[in-house]
Amino acid sequence: MLVFAIVLIYFGGCSYQNVDVIKENAADVWNRAGYDVVGYEGYQIGSFLGQPGGKVWYIVKRKGHDGITYHGFISKWGSEFHIYDLQAIDAISPK
């Protein structure tokens, strides 16, 4: 019974909430952080155990720096947008 309650609470708290709002504001959020959006990777479900509402993933490049691309996601907490899991995709390349 306890396992069922935990599963119900976890999945009952999951949502795609804020995905549309994040998409509408993503270019501005990345721009203020010093990045240009070069690609969209998709979105995923969030929960109150992690980031509440959805997570929207992007591929970005640092402004003024050629070469390295990154990916990370934006999530919305209350009235603020936050960038998470920003990782270089191609930091090492053969020359």
Protein backbone atom coordinates (compact mmCIF):
# COMPACT_ATOMS: atom_id res chain seq x y z
CA MET A 1 0.00 0.00 0.00
CA LEU A 2 2.84 2.40 0.83
CA VAL A 3 4.50 1.78 -2.54
CA PHE A 4 1.21 2.47 -4.34
CA ALA A 5 0.81 5.75 -2.41
CA ILE A 6 4.36 6.85 -3.29
CA VAL A 7 3.86 6.03 -6.98
CA LEU A 8 0.51 7.86 -7.00
CA ILE A 9 2.00 10.94 -5.33
CA TYR A 10 5.00 10.97 -7.67
CA PHE A 11 3.06 10.57 -10.90
CA GLY A 12 0.16 12.68 -9.66
CA GLY A 13 2.58 15.57 -9.16
CA CYS A 14 4.14 15.23 -12.63
CA SER A 15 3.19 17.66 -15.34
CA TYR A 16 4.14 19.45 -18.50
CA GLN A 17 3.16 22.67 -16.78
CA ASN A 18 5.02 25.76 -18.01
CA VAL A 19 6.38 24.14 -21.19
CA ASP A 20 4.63 26.67 -23.45
CA VAL A 21 5.68 29.59 -21.25
CA ILE A 22 9.29 28.36 -21.21
CA LYS A 23 9.32 28.02 -25.01
CA GLU A 24 7.96 31.57 -25.40
CA ASN A 25 10.69 33.01 -23.15
CA ALA A 26 13.62 30.69 -23.93
CA ALA A 27 15.47 32.93 -26.41
CA ASP A 28 15.43 35.81 -23.91
CA VAL A 29 16.50 33.59 -20.99
CA TRP A 30 19.46 32.18 -22.95
CA ASN A 31 20.33 35.63 -24.33
CA ARG A 32 20.51 37.17 -20.83
CA ALA A 33 22.79 34.28 -19.78
CA GLY A 34 25.13 35.00 -22.73
CA TYR A 35 24.06 32.26 -25.14
CA ASP A 36 22.42 32.03 -28.56
CA VAL A 37 19.95 29.23 -29.22
CA VAL A 38 21.05 27.07 -32.18
CA GLY A 39 18.72 24.11 -31.67
CA TYR A 40 15.79 22.64 -29.83
CA GLU A 41 16.07 19.19 -28.24
CA GLY A 42 12.57 18.73 -26.85
CA TYR A 43 10.79 18.80 -23.52
CA GLN A 44 10.11 16.36 -20.73
CA ILE A 45 7.89 15.88 -17.74
CA GLY A 46 8.82 17.36 -14.38
CA SER A 47 7.60 16.65 -10.88
CA PHE A 48 7.54 18.21 -7.46
CA LEU A 49 10.38 15.82 -6.54
CA GLY A 50 12.61 17.55 -9.11
CA GLN A 51 11.80 20.67 -11.09
CA PRO A 52 8.04 21.22 -10.92
CA GLY A 53 6.44 21.50 -14.33
CA GLY A 54 8.19 20.80 -17.59
CA LYS A 55 11.81 21.00 -18.67
CA VAL A 56 12.67 22.31 -22.14
CA TRP A 57 16.03 21.31 -23.65
CA TYR A 58 18.07 23.45 -26.06
CA ILE A 59 21.38 23.47 -27.89
CA VAL A 60 23.19 26.79 -27.43
CA LYS A 61 26.47 28.57 -28.21
CA ARG A 62 28.22 31.09 -26.00
CA LYS A 63 28.03 34.60 -27.48
CA GLY A 64 31.35 35.72 -28.92
CA HIS A 65 32.95 32.27 -28.68
CA ASP A 66 33.03 30.15 -31.79
CA GLY A 67 33.12 26.41 -31.78
CA ILE A 68 31.79 24.88 -28.58
CA THR A 69 28.11 24.02 -28.38
CA TYR A 70 26.26 23.18 -25.19
CA HIS A 71 22.97 21.66 -24.25
CA GLY A 72 20.89 22.29 -21.17
CA PHE A 73 17.33 22.84 -20.09
CA ILE A 74 15.22 25.66 -18.77
CA SER A 75 12.70 25.12 -16.00
CA LYS A 76 10.37 27.64 -14.39
CA TRP A 77 10.22 28.02 -10.60
CA GLY A 78 7.51 30.43 -9.52
CA SER A 79 8.06 33.54 -11.64
CA GLU A 80 11.72 32.81 -12.46
CA PHE A 81 13.35 30.82 -15.26
CA HIS A 82 16.44 28.77 -14.41
CA ILE A 83 19.02 27.02 -16.60
CA TYR A 84 20.11 23.52 -15.54
CA ASP A 85 22.50 20.78 -16.68
CA LEU A 86 24.45 22.99 -19.08
CA GLN A 87 27.08 20.69 -20.63
CA ALA A 88 29.51 21.08 -23.51
CA ILE A 89 28.68 18.81 -26.42
CA ASP A 90 31.81 19.19 -28.51
CA ALA A 91 34.46 20.73 -26.26
CA ILE A 92 37.17 18.44 -27.65
CA SER A 93 37.50 18.21 -31.39
CA PRO A 94 40.33 16.87 -33.56
CA LYS A 95 42.21 19.45 -35.64
